[in-house]
Protein backbone atom coordinates (compact mmCIF):
# COMPACT_ATOMS: atom_id res chain seq x y z
CA UNK A 1 150.17 58.56 -53.89
CA UNK A 2 150.96 57.09 -50.47
CA UNK A 3 151.66 59.67 -47.79
CA UNK A 4 154.35 59.20 -45.17
CA UNK A 5 153.17 58.70 -41.59
CA UNK A 6 156.25 60.47 -40.22
CA UNK A 7 154.69 63.98 -39.99
CA UNK A 8 151.75 62.57 -38.02
CA UNK A 9 154.12 60.69 -35.72
CA UNK A 10 156.11 63.85 -35.16
CA UNK A 11 152.95 65.80 -34.34
CA UNK A 12 151.86 63.18 -31.83
CA UNK A 13 155.29 63.21 -30.20
CA UNK A 14 155.35 67.02 -29.91
CA UNK A 15 155.45 68.41 -26.39
CA UNK A 16 155.45 71.72 -24.56
CA UNK A 17 158.27 70.50 -22.31
CA UNK A 18 161.65 72.31 -22.45
CA UNK A 19 163.81 71.46 -25.45
CA UNK A 20 166.30 68.68 -24.74
CA UNK A 21 169.80 69.96 -25.42
CA UNK A 22 173.22 68.41 -25.75
CA UNK A 23 174.28 65.23 -27.53
CA UNK A 24 170.80 64.07 -28.48
CA UNK A 25 169.06 63.57 -31.80
CA UNK A 26 171.07 65.13 -34.60
CA UNK A 27 173.41 66.45 -31.90
CA UNK A 28 174.57 62.90 -31.12
CA UNK A 29 176.94 63.06 -34.07
CA UNK A 30 177.95 66.71 -33.78
CA UNK A 31 181.56 67.74 -33.23
CA UNK A 32 183.55 70.97 -33.43
CA UNK A 33 187.11 72.28 -33.44
CA UNK A 34 188.35 70.04 -36.25
CA UNK A 35 191.14 72.18 -37.70
CA UNK A 36 193.72 69.65 -36.51
CA UNK A 37 191.61 66.57 -37.11
CA UNK A 38 189.30 64.54 -34.93
CA UNK A 39 192.05 63.59 -32.50
CA UNK A 40 191.99 67.17 -31.19
CA UNK A 41 188.30 67.95 -31.78
CA UNK A 42 185.50 68.14 -29.20
CA UNK A 43 181.95 66.91 -28.81
CA UNK A 44 179.11 69.28 -29.63
CA UNK A 45 175.35 68.92 -29.80
CA UNK A 46 172.00 70.69 -29.87
CA UNK A 47 171.45 74.09 -28.26
CA UNK A 48 168.46 76.36 -27.83
CA UNK A 49 167.62 79.83 -26.56
CA UNK A 50 164.61 82.13 -26.50
CA UNK A 51 163.52 85.59 -25.47
CA UNK A 52 160.06 87.00 -24.77
CA UNK A 53 159.58 90.74 -24.94
CA UNK A 54 157.17 92.78 -22.76
CA UNK A 55 154.80 93.20 -25.69
CA UNK A 56 154.53 89.42 -26.13
CA UNK A 57 156.94 89.02 -29.05
CA UNK A 58 158.81 85.72 -28.85
CA UNK A 59 162.00 84.84 -30.71
CA UNK A 60 163.60 81.43 -30.25
CA UNK A 61 166.42 79.45 -31.83
CA UNK A 62 167.34 75.78 -32.05
CA UNK A 63 170.63 74.66 -33.60
CA UNK A 64 172.81 71.63 -34.21
CA UNK A 65 176.41 72.84 -34.06
CA UNK A 66 178.86 70.79 -36.13
CA UNK A 67 181.43 73.26 -37.50
CA UNK A 68 185.03 73.04 -38.57
CA UNK A 69 185.85 75.87 -36.17
CA UNK A 70 185.64 76.81 -32.51
CA UNK A 71 182.68 78.07 -30.52
CA UNK A 72 183.36 81.55 -29.11
CA UNK A 73 181.57 83.38 -26.30
CA UNK A 74 180.37 86.60 -28.01
CA UNK A 75 180.36 88.45 -24.67
CA UNK A 76 184.02 87.79 -23.86
CA UNK A 77 185.64 86.70 -27.11
CA UNK A 78 187.01 83.62 -25.33
CA UNK A 79 186.93 80.09 -26.70
CA UNK A 80 184.12 78.03 -25.18
CA UNK A 81 185.01 74.82 -27.02
CA UNK A 82 187.27 74.03 -29.94
CA UNK A 83 190.57 72.67 -31.17
CA UNK A 84 192.47 71.28 -28.19
CA UNK A 85 196.16 71.65 -27.50
CA UNK A 86 198.32 68.55 -28.15
CA UNK A 87 197.94 67.46 -24.51
CA UNK A 88 194.16 67.69 -24.91
CA UNK A 89 193.68 69.74 -21.74
CA UNK A 90 193.05 73.25 -23.06
CA UNK A 91 192.17 75.19 -26.21
CA UNK A 92 194.61 75.90 -29.03
CA UNK A 93 192.29 78.63 -30.44
CA UNK A 94 191.43 78.31 -34.11
CA UNK A 95 192.12 82.03 -34.59
CA UNK A 96 195.73 81.54 -33.52
CA UNK A 97 196.08 78.37 -35.61
CA UNK A 98 194.79 80.02 -38.78
CA UNK A 99 196.93 83.13 -38.35
CA UNK A 100 200.04 81.04 -37.75
CA UNK A 101 199.63 79.39 -41.14
CA UNK A 102 199.27 75.90 -39.69
CA UNK A 103 197.52 73.53 -42.13
CA UNK A 104 194.13 72.12 -41.31
CA UNK A 105 193.50 68.38 -41.26
CA UNK A 106 189.73 68.32 -41.68
CA UNK A 107 188.13 69.13 -45.03
CA UNK A 108 184.55 67.97 -44.76
CA UNK A 109 181.66 66.67 -42.70
CA UNK A 110 180.95 70.05 -41.17
CA UNK A 111 177.59 71.79 -40.92
CA UNK A 112 175.67 73.99 -38.52
CA UNK A 113 171.93 73.78 -39.06
CA UNK A 114 169.51 75.95 -37.12
CA UNK A 115 166.00 77.33 -37.06
CA UNK A 116 164.68 80.61 -35.72
CA UNK A 117 161.03 80.76 -34.71
CA UNK A 118 158.88 83.73 -33.83
CA UNK A 119 155.24 84.43 -33.12
CA UNK A 120 155.42 87.52 -35.35
CA UNK A 121 153.32 87.64 -38.50
CA UNK A 122 155.71 87.35 -41.43
CA UNK A 123 155.40 87.03 -45.17
CA UNK A 124 157.50 84.44 -46.95
CA UNK A 125 159.94 87.16 -48.03
CA UNK A 126 160.19 88.51 -44.47
CA UNK A 127 160.81 85.04 -43.08
CA UNK A 128 163.60 84.55 -45.59
CA UNK A 129 165.10 87.88 -44.58
CA UNK A 130 164.87 86.95 -40.90
CA UNK A 131 166.80 83.75 -41.61
CA UNK A 132 169.56 85.83 -43.22
CA UNK A 133 169.73 88.13 -40.20
CA UNK A 134 169.76 85.18 -37.80
CA UNK A 135 172.83 83.84 -39.57
CA UNK A 136 174.77 86.69 -37.93
CA UNK A 137 174.47 84.67 -34.72
CA UNK A 138 176.67 82.00 -36.29
CA UNK A 139 179.31 84.57 -37.13
CA UNK A 140 179.31 85.87 -33.56
CA UNK A 141 179.72 82.48 -31.93
CA UNK A 142 181.67 80.28 -34.39
CA UNK A 143 185.16 80.93 -35.80
CA UNK A 144 185.80 80.31 -38.62
CA UNK A 145 182.31 80.03 -40.04
CA UNK A 146 180.91 79.59 -43.57
CA UNK A 147 184.12 78.04 -44.86
CA UNK A 148 184.19 76.08 -48.08
CA UNK A 149 184.05 72.87 -46.02
CA UNK A 150 181.08 73.98 -43.88
CA UNK A 151 177.45 73.57 -44.90
CA UNK A 152 175.60 76.15 -42.78
CA UNK A 153 171.90 76.89 -42.96
CA UNK A 154 169.25 78.80 -41.02
CA UNK A 155 165.53 78.24 -41.48
CA UNK A 156 162.86 80.64 -40.20
CA UNK A 157 159.29 79.96 -39.16
CA UNK A 158 156.57 82.28 -37.89
CA UNK A 159 153.31 81.35 -36.18
CA UNK A 160 151.67 84.70 -36.88
CA UNK A 161 149.93 84.89 -33.51
CA UNK A 162 151.50 88.24 -32.61
CA UNK A 163 149.28 90.98 -34.11
CA UNK A 164 150.58 93.99 -36.00
CA UNK A 165 153.29 94.64 -38.54
CA UNK A 166 156.64 93.04 -37.62
CA UNK A 167 159.60 95.22 -36.69
CA UNK A 168 162.28 93.49 -38.74
CA UNK A 169 165.06 95.58 -37.20
CA UNK A 170 164.19 94.35 -33.73
CA UNK A 171 163.40 90.83 -34.92
CA UNK A 172 166.72 90.50 -36.70
CA UNK A 173 168.73 91.79 -33.77
CA UNK A 174 166.99 89.50 -31.29
CA UNK A 175 167.22 86.51 -33.62
CA UNK A 176 170.98 86.86 -34.05
CA UNK A 177 171.38 87.14 -30.27
CA UNK A 178 169.33 84.06 -29.42
CA UNK A 179 171.06 82.05 -32.14
CA UNK A 180 174.49 82.97 -30.79
CA UNK A 181 173.34 81.92 -27.31
CA UNK A 182 171.96 78.65 -28.69
CA UNK A 183 175.29 77.91 -30.39
CA UNK A 184 177.17 78.36 -27.11
CA UNK A 185 174.68 76.13 -25.31
CA UNK A 186 175.14 73.42 -27.95
CA UNK A 187 178.79 73.28 -26.92
CA UNK A 188 178.34 73.58 -23.16
CA UNK A 189 175.49 71.07 -22.90
CA UNK A 190 177.20 68.33 -24.90
CA UNK A 191 178.27 65.00 -23.40
CA UNK A 192 181.70 63.68 -24.29
CA UNK A 193 182.75 60.34 -25.73
CA UNK A 194 185.97 58.36 -25.31
CA UNK A 195 188.76 60.40 -26.93
CA UNK A 196 186.24 63.11 -27.82
CA UNK A 197 185.65 65.25 -24.73
CA UNK A 198 182.98 67.86 -24.15
CA UNK A 199 183.38 71.18 -22.33
CA UNK A 200 182.31 69.65 -19.03
CA UNK A 201 185.11 67.08 -19.30
CA UNK A 202 187.80 69.75 -19.53
CA UNK A 203 186.36 71.52 -16.49
CA UNK A 204 186.65 68.42 -14.28
């Protein structure tokens, strides 16, 4: 059976440089805030975040944010990016739209796909559990999330270089936090397109 050369190419291209964020790679086609259709949506992209604890534990997240809903700052509850008002200059707030009973225009092509990585030593079952806990980061930073027209997934990987038994309580809490931060960065680091602005365009 012929093996694909793509994994080898990917390994050769790997780098220790900072992750490139914004409208790159899979993020080039990412959008958000589509409750009233693409004419009032915004550009999204790729975001990342990481934390290193004093004992050497590392938890990092990388995500492509392409949801139906808005991106929310978990710290303030304010909309970071999302459905725009009819004049396109500010946010309509998906929470207000949904509670007002206004119909949505978009019914598909939505997905937020992320990965959480840690240097902890995890079994397959523990890694699966960590992915479930990391998903809480989506719920903190995207509204609405996990709708019937969203395809949302989190993968988890562990290098196993951190010795000792993993503290899944701490791992899960940190993973959800870094994922929420990565989601916000996916919105704030995006680059807009004609008729599809990014956060930085509304700030100008």
